[in-house]
Every structure is written in C-alpha cells, then in structure tokens.
Amino acid sequence: MSKKIRYAIVGLGHIAQTAVLPVFKHAENSELAALVSGNPEKHRELSERYRVKAHGYDDLENALEKEKVDAVYIATPNILHREHTERAARAGVHVLCEKPMATTQDDCEAMIREAK
C-alpha cells in the first residue's frame, strides 16, 4: 500500500464537523494529520474526538510543517478562503477549498496564481 495522504482541516465549523471530519474514519488512502481553527473550545473537543493535534490559524504554516501535512481542506468562512489557501500553497501543500472558492473574482484569480 502506498503512503497515505496526510490532511489538515482548516476551519472546524458545521461543514467540517458534519461532512469532512467523519469521512476519515473510513478513508483508505488518507489520514487526518491536524486541525486548524480559531476557536480554543473546538480545539479541545475535536482534538480529543479525532485524536489529532489542533492548532490556531496564526500557527497554520508551522502546523503544516510539524504535522507533515500533504494537503489541506479549507472549510473556513468564505471571506477567509483566499488567505488560508494562499498560506497553504506557499507552504507547499495541496489545497482543496470548500465552495464558493472565494467571494470575488480577484480573490479567485489570486488563489490560482499562488497555487501555480
């Protein structure tokens, strides 16, 4: 079996908790490597539930490196998609972003440029 893809989930709101995090229980080629949020209560609760370390938004790049993350799933509020996508892309990890990609065309184009 090949190496599993290590994911960080950035944003721990409703979408992350109901549609993203639960799928890792049955994932064959992926594993949850880190949680990233701005909410300390969610850090504690979800870190314990999924047995993975939680980090703050300010620590995103360090978390990606420390936890050896291959890809991020951006599930933050839409207005934060550009910031978190660009930061993850600069850190050299693959990015999957919840829809809508961003709130403006300019933000979408900037995200694409950074990912290239």
PDB file of N, CA and C in Angstrom:
ATOM      1  N   MET A   1       0.833  -1.178   0.000  1.00  0.00           N
ATOM      2  CA  MET A   1       0.000   0.000   0.000  1.00  0.00           C
ATOM      3  C   MET A   1       0.878   1.240   0.000  1.00  0.00           C
ATOM      4  N   SER A   2       0.515   2.234  -0.794  1.00  0.00           N
ATOM      5  CA  SER A   2       1.297   3.457  -0.860  1.00  0.00           C
ATOM      6  C   SER A   2       1.035   4.330   0.362  1.00  0.00           C
ATOM      7  N   LYS A   3       1.865   5.338   0.510  1.00  0.00           N
ATOM      8  CA  LYS A   3       1.770   6.260   1.635  1.00  0.00           C
ATOM      9  C   LYS A   3       0.408   6.959   1.656  1.00  0.00           C
ATOM     10  N   LYS A   4      -0.157   7.113   2.838  1.00  0.00           N
ATOM     11  CA  LYS A   4      -1.425   7.818   2.980  1.00  0.00           C
ATOM     12  C   LYS A   4      -1.212   9.328   2.866  1.00  0.00           C
ATOM     13  N   ILE A   5      -2.190  10.006   2.304  1.00  0.00           N
ATOM     14  CA  ILE A   5      -2.167  11.465   2.205  1.00  0.00           C
ATOM     15  C   ILE A   5      -2.565  12.021   3.565  1.00  0.00           C
ATOM     16  N   ARG A   6      -1.725  12.899   4.087  1.00  0.00           N
ATOM     17  CA  ARG A   6      -1.966  13.494   5.407  1.00  0.00           C
ATOM     18  C   ARG A   6      -2.646  14.852   5.232  1.00  0.00           C
ATOM     19  N   TYR A   7      -3.847  14.979   5.790  1.00  0.00           N
ATOM     20  CA  TYR A   7      -4.667  16.182   5.646  1.00  0.00           C
ATOM     21  C   TYR A   7      -4.721  17.001   6.927  1.00  0.00           C
ATOM     22  N   ALA A   8      -4.764  18.323   6.737  1.00  0.00           N
ATOM     23  CA  ALA A   8      -5.138  19.250   7.806  1.00  0.00           C
ATOM     24  C   ALA A   8      -6.480  19.836   7.411  1.00  0.00           C
ATOM     25  N   ILE A   9      -7.378  19.927   8.352  1.00  0.00           N
ATOM     26  CA  ILE A   9      -8.665  20.569   8.124  1.00  0.00           C
ATOM     27  C   ILE A   9      -8.557  21.964   8.720  1.00  0.00           C
ATOM     28  N   VAL A  10      -8.756  22.968   7.868  1.00  0.00           N
ATOM     29  CA  VAL A  10      -8.638  24.365   8.287  1.00  0.00           C
ATOM     30  C   VAL A  10     -10.057  24.926   8.386  1.00  0.00           C
ATOM     31  N   GLY A  11     -10.477  25.193   9.612  1.00  0.00           N
ATOM     32  CA  GLY A  11     -11.847  25.625   9.875  1.00  0.00           C
ATOM     33  C   GLY A  11     -12.626  24.446  10.422  1.00  0.00           C
ATOM     34  N   LEU A  12     -13.212  24.617  11.586  1.00  0.00           N
ATOM     35  CA  LEU A  12     -13.869  23.488  12.245  1.00  0.00           C
ATOM     36  C   LEU A  12     -15.348  23.760  12.509  1.00  0.00           C
ATOM     37  N   GLY A  13     -15.994  24.421  11.581  1.00  0.00           N
ATOM     38  CA  GLY A  13     -17.412  24.723  11.710  1.00  0.00           C
ATOM     39  C   GLY A  13     -18.292  23.559  11.288  1.00  0.00           C
ATOM     40  N   HIS A  14     -19.527  23.885  10.960  1.00  0.00           N
ATOM     41  CA  HIS A  14     -20.548  22.877  10.645  1.00  0.00           C
ATOM     42  C   HIS A  14     -20.130  21.949   9.506  1.00  0.00           C
ATOM     43  N   ILE A  15     -19.673  22.502   8.387  1.00  0.00           N
ATOM     44  CA  ILE A  15     -19.288  21.676   7.225  1.00  0.00           C
ATOM     45  C   ILE A  15     -18.175  20.709   7.607  1.00  0.00           C
ATOM     46  N   ALA A  16     -17.163  21.224   8.290  1.00  0.00           N
ATOM     47  CA  ALA A  16     -16.050  20.356   8.693  1.00  0.00           C
ATOM     48  C   ALA A  16     -16.526  19.244   9.618  1.00  0.00           C
ATOM     49  N   GLN A  17     -17.373  19.586  10.569  1.00  0.00           N
ATOM     50  CA  GLN A  17     -17.795  18.603  11.570  1.00  0.00           C
ATOM     51  C   GLN A  17     -18.792  17.576  11.033  1.00  0.00           C
ATOM     52  N   THR A  18     -19.626  17.974  10.080  1.00  0.00           N
ATOM     53  CA  THR A  18     -20.650  17.037   9.605  1.00  0.00           C
ATOM     54  C   THR A  18     -20.293  16.330   8.307  1.00  0.00           C
ATOM     55  N   ALA A  19     -19.488  16.973   7.455  1.00  0.00           N
ATOM     56  CA  ALA A  19     -19.234  16.400   6.134  1.00  0.00           C
ATOM     57  C   ALA A  19     -17.787  16.018   5.875  1.00  0.00           C
ATOM     58  N   VAL A  20     -16.842  16.604   6.584  1.00  0.00           N
ATOM     59  CA  VAL A  20     -15.430  16.353   6.271  1.00  0.00           C
ATOM     60  C   VAL A  20     -14.775  15.421   7.290  1.00  0.00           C
ATOM     61  N   LEU A  21     -14.776  15.798   8.540  1.00  0.00           N
ATOM     62  CA  LEU A  21     -14.070  15.011   9.560  1.00  0.00           C
ATOM     63  C   LEU A  21     -14.564  13.566   9.677  1.00  0.00           C
ATOM     64  N   PRO A  22     -15.855  13.315   9.644  1.00  0.00           N
ATOM     65  CA  PRO A  22     -16.311  11.924   9.801  1.00  0.00           C
ATOM     66  C   PRO A  22     -15.807  10.962   8.723  1.00  0.00           C
ATOM     67  N   VAL A  23     -15.503  11.447   7.526  1.00  0.00           N
ATOM     68  CA  VAL A  23     -15.090  10.534   6.451  1.00  0.00           C
ATOM     69  C   VAL A  23     -13.712   9.931   6.697  1.00  0.00           C
ATOM     70  N   PHE A  24     -12.909  10.544   7.543  1.00  0.00           N
ATOM     71  CA  PHE A  24     -11.572  10.000   7.791  1.00  0.00           C
ATOM     72  C   PHE A  24     -11.617   8.657   8.513  1.00  0.00           C
ATOM     73  N   LYS A  25     -12.712   8.378   9.192  1.00  0.00           N
ATOM     74  CA  LYS A  25     -12.852   7.098   9.884  1.00  0.00           C
ATOM     75  C   LYS A  25     -12.772   5.923   8.902  1.00  0.00           C
ATOM     76  N   HIS A  26     -13.265   6.126   7.688  1.00  0.00           N
ATOM     77  CA  HIS A  26     -13.309   5.054   6.692  1.00  0.00           C
ATOM     78  C   HIS A  26     -12.349   5.271   5.529  1.00  0.00           C
ATOM     79  N   ALA A  27     -11.533   6.305   5.592  1.00  0.00           N
ATOM     80  CA  ALA A  27     -10.616   6.603   4.490  1.00  0.00           C
ATOM     81  C   ALA A  27      -9.525   5.550   4.394  1.00  0.00           C
ATOM     82  N   GLU A  28      -9.267   5.112   3.192  1.00  0.00           N
ATOM     83  CA  GLU A  28      -8.231   4.105   2.980  1.00  0.00           C
ATOM     84  C   GLU A  28      -6.895   4.716   2.584  1.00  0.00           C
ATOM     85  N   ASN A  29      -6.938   5.816   1.836  1.00  0.00           N
ATOM     86  CA  ASN A  29      -5.683   6.394   1.347  1.00  0.00           C
ATOM     87  C   ASN A  29      -5.369   7.743   1.975  1.00  0.00           C
ATOM     88  N   SER A  30      -6.118   8.132   2.997  1.00  0.00           N
ATOM     89  CA  SER A  30      -5.942   9.433   3.635  1.00  0.00           C
ATOM     90  C   SER A  30      -6.003   9.289   5.142  1.00  0.00           C
ATOM     91  N   GLU A  31      -5.346  10.243   5.821  1.00  0.00           N
ATOM     92  CA  GLU A  31      -5.428  10.272   7.276  1.00  0.00           C
ATOM     93  C   GLU A  31      -5.460  11.715   7.755  1.00  0.00           C
ATOM     94  N   LEU A  32      -6.121  11.925   8.849  1.00  0.00           N
ATOM     95  CA  LEU A  32      -6.224  13.236   9.459  1.00  0.00           C
ATOM     96  C   LEU A  32      -4.938  13.511  10.227  1.00  0.00           C
ATOM     97  N   ALA A  33      -4.261  14.606   9.874  1.00  0.00           N
ATOM     98  CA  ALA A  33      -2.973  14.910  10.492  1.00  0.00           C
ATOM     99  C   ALA A  33      -3.029  16.112  11.426  1.00  0.00           C
ATOM    100  N   ALA A  34      -3.962  17.049  11.178  1.00  0.00           N
ATOM    101  CA  ALA A  34      -4.027  18.263  12.000  1.00  0.00           C
ATOM    102  C   ALA A  34      -5.377  18.934  11.843  1.00  0.00           C
ATOM    103  N   LEU A  35      -5.742  19.661  12.879  1.00  0.00           N
ATOM    104  CA  LEU A  35      -6.922  20.504  12.867  1.00  0.00           C
ATOM    105  C   LEU A  35      -6.457  21.936  13.054  1.00  0.00           C
ATOM    106  N   VAL A  36      -7.084  22.877  12.349  1.00  0.00           N
ATOM    107  CA  VAL A  36      -6.691  24.282  12.460  1.00  0.00           C
ATOM    108  C   VAL A  36      -7.960  25.115  12.617  1.00  0.00           C
ATOM    109  N   SER A  37      -7.994  25.925  13.672  1.00  0.00           N
ATOM    110  CA  SER A  37      -9.182  26.723  13.963  1.00  0.00           C
ATOM    111  C   SER A  37      -8.800  27.919  14.813  1.00  0.00           C
ATOM    112  N   GLY A  38      -9.711  28.854  14.900  1.00  0.00           N
ATOM    113  CA  GLY A  38      -9.510  29.997  15.776  1.00  0.00           C
ATOM    114  C   GLY A  38     -10.283  29.866  17.077  1.00  0.00           C
ATOM    115  N   ASN A  39     -10.878  28.705  17.317  1.00  0.00           N
ATOM    116  CA  ASN A  39     -11.750  28.512  18.466  1.00  0.00           C
ATOM    117  C   ASN A  39     -11.149  27.485  19.435  1.00  0.00           C
ATOM    118  N   PRO A  40     -10.632  27.937  20.582  1.00  0.00           N
ATOM    119  CA  PRO A  40     -10.000  27.013  21.539  1.00  0.00           C
ATOM    120  C   PRO A  40     -10.931  25.902  22.035  1.00  0.00           C
ATOM    121  N   GLU A  41     -12.237  26.172  22.154  1.00  0.00           N
ATOM    122  CA  GLU A  41     -13.161  25.122  22.593  1.00  0.00           C
ATOM    123  C   GLU A  41     -13.235  23.998  21.560  1.00  0.00           C
ATOM    124  N   LYS A  42     -13.289  24.371  20.279  1.00  0.00           N
ATOM    125  CA  LYS A  42     -13.302  23.361  19.224  1.00  0.00           C
ATOM    126  C   LYS A  42     -11.974  22.613  19.190  1.00  0.00           C
ATOM    127  N   HIS A  43     -10.871  23.318  19.460  1.00  0.00           N
ATOM    128  CA  HIS A  43      -9.554  22.664  19.527  1.00  0.00           C
ATOM    129  C   HIS A  43      -9.611  21.491  20.490  1.00  0.00           C
ATOM    130  N   ARG A  44     -10.048  21.776  21.700  1.00  0.00           N
ATOM    131  CA  ARG A  44     -10.075  20.744  22.748  1.00  0.00           C
ATOM    132  C   ARG A  44     -11.020  19.598  22.387  1.00  0.00           C
ATOM    133  N   GLU A  45     -12.238  19.956  22.043  1.00  0.00           N
ATOM    134  CA  GLU A  45     -13.254  18.933  21.786  1.00  0.00           C
ATOM    135  C   GLU A  45     -12.896  18.040  20.597  1.00  0.00           C
ATOM    136  N   LEU A  46     -12.550  18.657  19.472  1.00  0.00           N
ATOM    137  CA  LEU A  46     -12.310  17.875  18.259  1.00  0.00           C
ATOM    138  C   LEU A  46     -10.956  17.190  18.267  1.00  0.00           C
ATOM    139  N   SER A  47      -9.978  17.794  18.919  1.00  0.00           N
ATOM    140  CA  SER A  47      -8.679  17.149  19.058  1.00  0.00           C
ATOM    141  C   SER A  47      -8.821  15.852  19.840  1.00  0.00           C
ATOM    142  N   GLU A  48      -9.610  15.892  20.896  1.00  0.00           N
ATOM    143  CA  GLU A  48      -9.843  14.691  21.699  1.00  0.00           C
ATOM    144  C   GLU A  48     -10.660  13.659  20.914  1.00  0.00           C
ATOM    145  N   ARG A  49     -11.702  14.110  20.237  1.00  0.00           N
ATOM    146  CA  ARG A  49     -12.574  13.192  19.495  1.00  0.00           C
ATOM    147  C   ARG A  49     -11.830  12.476  18.379  1.00  0.00           C
ATOM    148  N   TYR A  50     -10.988  13.214  17.645  1.00  0.00           N
ATOM    149  CA  TYR A  50     -10.315  12.628  16.484  1.00  0.00           C
ATOM    150  C   TYR A  50      -8.861  12.234  16.763  1.00  0.00           C
ATOM    151  N   ARG A  51      -8.422  12.456  17.987  1.00  0.00           N
ATOM    152  CA  ARG A  51      -7.065  12.078  18.411  1.00  0.00           C
ATOM    153  C   ARG A  51      -5.994  12.643  17.484  1.00  0.00           C
ATOM    154  N   VAL A  52      -6.109  13.952  17.243  1.00  0.00           N
ATOM    155  CA  VAL A  52      -5.149  14.654  16.404  1.00  0.00           C
ATOM    156  C   VAL A  52      -4.951  16.048  16.980  1.00  0.00           C
ATOM    157  N   LYS A  53      -3.766  16.576  16.829  1.00  0.00           N
ATOM    158  CA  LYS A  53      -3.432  17.871  17.418  1.00  0.00           C
ATOM    159  C   LYS A  53      -4.161  19.009  16.703  1.00  0.00           C
ATOM    160  N   ALA A  54      -4.604  19.975  17.484  1.00  0.00           N
ATOM    161  CA  ALA A  54      -5.254  21.175  16.949  1.00  0.00           C
ATOM    162  C   ALA A  54      -4.314  22.367  17.073  1.00  0.00           C
ATOM    163  N   HIS A  55      -4.399  23.253  16.099  1.00  0.00           N
ATOM    164  CA  HIS A  55      -3.555  24.448  16.032  1.00  0.00           C
ATOM    165  C   HIS A  55      -4.427  25.656  15.742  1.00  0.00           C
ATOM    166  N   GLY A  56      -3.926  26.839  16.078  1.00  0.00           N
ATOM    167  CA  GLY A  56      -4.628  28.076  15.769  1.00  0.00           C
ATOM    168  C   GLY A  56      -4.331  28.547  14.359  1.00  0.00           C
ATOM    169  N   TYR A  57      -5.186  29.427  13.840  1.00  0.00           N
ATOM    170  CA  TYR A  57      -4.969  29.985  12.498  1.00  0.00           C
ATOM    171  C   TYR A  57      -3.598  30.655  12.380  1.00  0.00           C
ATOM    172  N   ASP A  58      -3.172  31.339  13.437  1.00  0.00           N
ATOM    173  CA  ASP A  58      -1.886  32.036  13.394  1.00  0.00           C
ATOM    174  C   ASP A  58      -0.712  31.079  13.244  1.00  0.00           C
ATOM    175  N   ASP A  59      -0.924  29.823  13.571  1.00  0.00           N
ATOM    176  CA  ASP A  59       0.136  28.816  13.553  1.00  0.00           C
ATOM    177  C   ASP A  59       0.021  27.879  12.342  1.00  0.00           C
ATOM    178  N   LEU A  60      -0.737  28.275  11.316  1.00  0.00           N
ATOM    179  CA  LEU A  60      -1.027  27.388  10.188  1.00  0.00           C
ATOM    180  C   LEU A  60       0.229  26.815   9.549  1.00  0.00           C
ATOM    181  N   GLU A  61       1.151  27.663   9.135  1.00  0.00           N
ATOM    182  CA  GLU A  61       2.338  27.175   8.432  1.00  0.00           C
ATOM    183  C   GLU A  61       3.169  26.228   9.286  1.00  0.00           C
ATOM    184  N   ASN A  62       3.340  26.563  10.553  1.00  0.00           N
ATOM    185  CA  ASN A  62       4.086  25.703  11.463  1.00  0.00           C
ATOM    186  C   ASN A  62       3.384  24.356  11.643  1.00  0.00           C
ATOM    187  N   ALA A  63       2.070  24.391  11.736  1.00  0.00           N
ATOM    188  CA  ALA A  63       1.295  23.151  11.884  1.00  0.00           C
ATOM    189  C   ALA A  63       1.474  22.249  10.668  1.00  0.00           C
ATOM    190  N   LEU A  64       1.444  22.837   9.466  1.00  0.00           N
ATOM    191  CA  LEU A  64       1.599  22.038   8.244  1.00  0.00           C
ATOM    192  C   LEU A  64       2.958  21.348   8.212  1.00  0.00           C
ATOM    193  N   GLU A  65       3.970  22.077   8.619  1.00  0.00           N
ATOM    194  CA  GLU A  65       5.320  21.502   8.631  1.00  0.00           C
ATOM    195  C   GLU A  65       5.477  20.467   9.747  1.00  0.00           C
ATOM    196  N   LYS A  66       5.096  20.843  10.950  1.00  0.00           N
ATOM    197  CA  LYS A  66       5.269  19.979  12.119  1.00  0.00           C
ATOM    198  C   LYS A  66       4.512  18.662  11.977  1.00  0.00           C
ATOM    199  N   GLU A  67       3.299  18.717  11.439  1.00  0.00           N
ATOM    200  CA  GLU A  67       2.472  17.521  11.324  1.00  0.00           C
ATOM    201  C   GLU A  67       2.652  16.794   9.987  1.00  0.00           C
ATOM    202  N   LYS A  68       3.612  17.262   9.191  1.00  0.00           N
ATOM    203  CA  LYS A  68       3.934  16.633   7.897  1.00  0.00           C
ATOM    204  C   LYS A  68       2.697  16.483   7.009  1.00  0.00           C
ATOM    205  N   VAL A  69       1.990  17.606   6.838  1.00  0.00           N
ATOM    206  CA  VAL A  69       0.741  17.640   6.075  1.00  0.00           C
ATOM    207  C   VAL A  69       1.032  17.673   4.578  1.00  0.00           C
ATOM    208  N   ASP A  70       0.297  16.872   3.817  1.00  0.00           N
ATOM    209  CA  ASP A  70       0.401  16.841   2.354  1.00  0.00           C
ATOM    210  C   ASP A  70      -0.629  17.743   1.692  1.00  0.00           C
ATOM    211  N   ALA A  71      -1.807  17.875   2.323  1.00  0.00           N
ATOM    212  CA  ALA A  71      -2.907  18.633   1.726  1.00  0.00           C
ATOM    213  C   ALA A  71      -3.784  19.229   2.821  1.00  0.00           C
ATOM    214  N   VAL A  72      -4.420  20.346   2.488  1.00  0.00           N
ATOM    215  CA  VAL A  72      -5.377  20.959   3.412  1.00  0.00           C
ATOM    216  C   VAL A  72      -6.758  20.969   2.789  1.00  0.00           C
ATOM    217  N   TYR A  73      -7.743  20.910   3.644  1.00  0.00           N
ATOM    218  CA  TYR A  73      -9.124  21.111   3.229  1.00  0.00           C
ATOM    219  C   TYR A  73      -9.564  22.396   3.905  1.00  0.00           C
ATOM    220  N   ILE A  74      -9.822  23.431   3.092  1.00  0.00           N
ATOM    221  CA  ILE A  74     -10.207  24.739   3.608  1.00  0.00           C
ATOM    222  C   ILE A  74     -11.717  24.762   3.811  1.00  0.00           C
ATOM    223  N   ALA A  75     -12.135  24.860   5.070  1.00  0.00           N
ATOM    224  CA  ALA A  75     -13.554  24.885   5.413  1.00  0.00           C
ATOM    225  C   ALA A  75     -13.874  26.083   6.305  1.00  0.00           C
ATOM    226  N   THR A  76     -13.147  27.155   6.104  1.00  0.00           N
ATOM    227  CA  THR A  76     -13.354  28.383   6.866  1.00  0.00           C
ATOM    228  C   THR A  76     -14.489  29.192   6.243  1.00  0.00           C
ATOM    229  N   PRO A  77     -14.913  30.277   6.901  1.00  0.00           N
ATOM    230  CA  PRO A  77     -15.878  31.157   6.250  1.00  0.00           C
ATOM    231  C   PRO A  77     -15.331  31.647   4.896  1.00  0.00           C
ATOM    232  N   ASN A  78     -16.216  31.842   3.937  1.00  0.00           N
ATOM    233  CA  ASN A  78     -15.817  32.181   2.565  1.00  0.00           C
ATOM    234  C   ASN A  78     -14.831  33.338   2.486  1.00  0.00           C
ATOM    235  N   ILE A  79     -14.985  34.331   3.309  1.00  0.00           N
ATOM    236  CA  ILE A  79     -14.129  35.507   3.278  1.00  0.00           C
ATOM    237  C   ILE A  79     -12.673  35.171   3.642  1.00  0.00           C
ATOM    238  N   LEU A  80     -12.452  34.029   4.282  1.00  0.00           N
ATOM    239  CA  LEU A  80     -11.093  33.621   4.678  1.00  0.00           C
ATOM    240  C   LEU A  80     -10.461  32.617   3.711  1.00  0.00           C
ATOM    241  N   HIS A  81     -11.203  32.170   2.717  1.00  0.00           N
ATOM    242  CA  HIS A  81     -10.672  31.165   1.787  1.00  0.00           C
ATOM    243  C   HIS A  81      -9.385  31.620   1.122  1.00  0.00           C
ATOM    244  N   ARG A  82      -9.350  32.852   0.647  1.00  0.00           N
ATOM    245  CA  ARG A  82      -8.145  33.325  -0.049  1.00  0.00           C
ATOM    246  C   ARG A  82      -6.930  33.279   0.881  1.00  0.00           C
ATOM    247  N   GLU A  83      -7.066  33.859   2.053  1.00  0.00           N
ATOM    248  CA  GLU A  83      -5.924  33.905   2.980  1.00  0.00           C
ATOM    249  C   GLU A  83      -5.387  32.508   3.282  1.00  0.00           C
ATOM    250  N   HIS A  84      -6.267  31.609   3.658  1.00  0.00           N
ATOM    251  CA  HIS A  84      -5.804  30.272   4.055  1.00  0.00           C
ATOM    252  C   HIS A  84      -5.304  29.459   2.861  1.00  0.00           C
ATOM    253  N   THR A  85      -5.923  29.628   1.713  1.00  0.00           N
ATOM    254  CA  THR A  85      -5.450  28.936   0.513  1.00  0.00           C
ATOM    255  C   THR A  85      -4.062  29.412   0.130  1.00  0.00           C
ATOM    256  N   GLU A  86      -3.858  30.713   0.115  1.00  0.00           N
ATOM    257  CA  GLU A  86      -2.543  31.250  -0.260  1.00  0.00           C
ATOM    258  C   GLU A  86      -1.471  30.824   0.731  1.00  0.00           C
ATOM    259  N   ARG A  87      -1.771  30.865   2.003  1.00  0.00           N
ATOM    260  CA  ARG A  87      -0.786  30.460   3.014  1.00  0.00           C
ATOM    261  C   ARG A  87      -0.417  28.988   2.863  1.00  0.00           C
ATOM    262  N   ALA A  88      -1.401  28.141   2.633  1.00  0.00           N
ATOM    263  CA  ALA A  88      -1.132  26.709   2.462  1.00  0.00           C
ATOM    264  C   ALA A  88      -0.344  26.459   1.178  1.00  0.00           C
ATOM    265  N   ALA A  89      -0.712  27.130   0.106  1.00  0.00           N
ATOM    266  CA  ALA A  89       0.008  26.957  -1.165  1.00  0.00           C
ATOM    267  C   ALA A  89       1.461  27.389  -1.019  1.00  0.00           C
ATOM    268  N   ARG A  90       1.702  28.507  -0.341  1.00  0.00           N
ATOM    269  CA  ARG A  90       3.082  28.967  -0.113  1.00  0.00           C
ATOM    270  C   ARG A  90       3.872  27.966   0.722  1.00  0.00           C
ATOM    271  N   ALA A  91       3.171  27.234   1.576  1.00  0.00           N
ATOM    272  CA  ALA A  91       3.828  26.215   2.412  1.00  0.00           C
ATOM    273  C   ALA A  91       4.100  24.933   1.632  1.00  0.00           C
ATOM    274  N   GLY A  92       3.612  24.873   0.396  1.00  0.00           N
ATOM    275  CA  GLY A  92       3.922  23.738  -0.463  1.00  0.00           C
ATOM    276  C   GLY A  92       2.984  22.550  -0.342  1.00  0.00           C
ATOM    277  N   VAL A  93       1.788  22.760   0.195  1.00  0.00           N
ATOM    278  CA  VAL A  93       0.843  21.653   0.298  1.00  0.00           C
ATOM    279  C   VAL A  93      -0.288  21.833  -0.715  1.00  0.00           C
ATOM    280  N   HIS A  94      -0.921  20.742  -1.059  1.00  0.00           N
ATOM    281  CA  HIS A  94      -2.064  20.780  -1.963  1.00  0.00           C
ATOM    282  C   HIS A  94      -3.256  21.386  -1.222  1.00  0.00           C
ATOM    283  N   VAL A  95      -4.149  22.022  -1.987  1.00  0.00           N
ATOM    284  CA  VAL A  95      -5.284  22.704  -1.380  1.00  0.00           C
ATOM    285  C   VAL A  95      -6.595  22.234  -1.998  1.00  0.00           C
ATOM    286  N   LEU A  96      -7.521  21.834  -1.140  1.00  0.00           N
ATOM    287  CA  LEU A  96      -8.907  21.593  -1.531  1.00  0.00           C
ATOM    288  C   LEU A  96      -9.710  22.649  -0.783  1.00  0.00           C
ATOM    289  N   CYS A  97     -10.514  23.415  -1.520  1.00  0.00           N
ATOM    290  CA  CYS A  97     -11.225  24.531  -0.909  1.00  0.00           C
ATOM    291  C   CYS A  97     -12.724  24.345  -1.053  1.00  0.00           C
ATOM    292  N   GLU A  98     -13.414  24.501   0.058  1.00  0.00           N
ATOM    293  CA  GLU A  98     -14.872  24.429   0.056  1.00  0.00           C
ATOM    294  C   GLU A  98     -15.427  25.514  -0.857  1.00  0.00           C
ATOM    295  N   LYS A  99     -16.605  25.294  -1.422  1.00  0.00           N
ATOM    296  CA  LYS A  99     -17.211  26.284  -2.295  1.00  0.00           C
ATOM    297  C   LYS A  99     -17.991  27.302  -1.478  1.00  0.00           C
ATOM    298  N   PRO A 100     -18.146  28.493  -1.970  1.00  0.00           N
ATOM    299  CA  PRO A 100     -17.518  29.036  -3.166  1.00  0.00           C
ATOM    300  C   PRO A 100     -16.024  29.220  -2.926  1.00  0.00           C
ATOM    301  N   MET A 101     -15.284  29.189  -4.011  1.00  0.00           N
ATOM    302  CA  MET A 101     -13.832  29.298  -3.911  1.00  0.00           C
ATOM    303  C   MET A 101     -13.436  30.568  -3.151  1.00  0.00           C
ATOM    304  N   ALA A 102     -14.049  31.683  -3.486  1.00  0.00           N
ATOM    305  CA  ALA A 102     -13.775  32.955  -2.819  1.00  0.00           C
ATOM    306  C   ALA A 102     -14.965  33.878  -3.041  1.00  0.00           C
ATOM    307  N   THR A 103     -14.887  35.059  -2.481  1.00  0.00           N
ATOM    308  CA  THR A 103     -16.021  35.979  -2.576  1.00  0.00           C
ATOM    309  C   THR A 103     -15.922  36.944  -3.747  1.00  0.00           C
ATOM    310  N   THR A 104     -14.755  37.009  -4.395  1.00  0.00           N
ATOM    311  CA  THR A 104     -14.605  37.881  -5.562  1.00  0.00           C
ATOM    312  C   THR A 104     -13.781  37.172  -6.626  1.00  0.00           C
ATOM    313  N   GLN A 105     -13.934  37.634  -7.844  1.00  0.00           N
ATOM    314  CA  GLN A 105     -13.133  37.091  -8.943  1.00  0.00           C
ATOM    315  C   GLN A 105     -11.654  37.373  -8.716  1.00  0.00           C
ATOM    316  N   ASP A 106     -11.329  38.564  -8.234  1.00  0.00           N
ATOM    317  CA  ASP A 106      -9.929  38.906  -7.962  1.00  0.00           C
ATOM    318  C   ASP A 106      -9.316  37.944  -6.952  1.00  0.00           C
ATOM    319  N   ASP A 107     -10.062  37.597  -5.914  1.00  0.00           N
ATOM    320  CA  ASP A 107      -9.553  36.655  -4.920  1.00  0.00           C
ATOM    321  C   ASP A 107      -9.331  35.285  -5.548  1.00  0.00           C
ATOM    322  N   CYS A 108     -10.265  34.835  -6.376  1.00  0.00           N
ATOM    323  CA  CYS A 108     -10.115  33.539  -7.056  1.00  0.00           C
ATOM    324  C   CYS A 108      -8.854  33.524  -7.926  1.00  0.00           C
ATOM    325  N   GLU A 109      -8.673  34.575  -8.689  1.00  0.00           N
ATOM    326  CA  GLU A 109      -7.505  34.638  -9.576  1.00  0.00           C
ATOM    327  C   GLU A 109      -6.204  34.677  -8.773  1.00  0.00           C
ATOM    328  N   ALA A 110      -6.195  35.386  -7.654  1.00  0.00           N
ATOM    329  CA  ALA A 110      -5.001  35.419  -6.799  1.00  0.00           C
ATOM    330  C   ALA A 110      -4.705  34.045  -6.213  1.00  0.00           C
ATOM    331  N   MET A 111      -5.740  33.319  -5.824  1.00  0.00           N
ATOM    332  CA  MET A 111      -5.563  31.972  -5.285  1.00  0.00           C
ATOM    333  C   MET A 111      -4.972  31.046  -6.338  1.00  0.00           C
ATOM    334  N   ILE A 112      -5.460  31.143  -7.555  1.00  0.00           N
ATOM    335  CA  ILE A 112      -4.957  30.317  -8.644  1.00  0.00           C
ATOM    336  C   ILE A 112      -3.485  30.637  -8.904  1.00  0.00           C
ATOM    337  N   ARG A 113      -3.154  31.916  -8.960  1.00  0.00           N
ATOM    338  CA  ARG A 113      -1.744  32.311  -9.194  1.00  0.00           C
ATOM    339  C   ARG A 113      -0.842  31.738  -8.099  1.00  0.00           C
ATOM    340  N   GLU A 114      -1.261  31.844  -6.865  1.00  0.00           N
ATOM    341  CA  GLU A 114      -0.441  31.353  -5.753  1.00  0.00           C
ATOM    342  C   GLU A 114      -0.266  29.842  -5.826  1.00  0.00           C
ATOM    343  N   ALA A 115      -1.309  29.142  -6.207  1.00  0.00           N
ATOM    344  CA  ALA A 115      -1.235  27.681  -6.291  1.00  0.00           C
ATOM    345  C   ALA A 115      -0.309  27.211  -7.409  1.00  0.00           C
ATOM    346  N   LYS A 116      -0.193  28.012  -8.454  1.00  0.00           N
ATOM    347  CA  LYS A 116       0.709  27.634  -9.541  1.00  0.00           C
ATOM    348  C   LYS A 116       2.146  27.727  -9.096  1.00  0.00           C
TER     349      LYS A 116
END
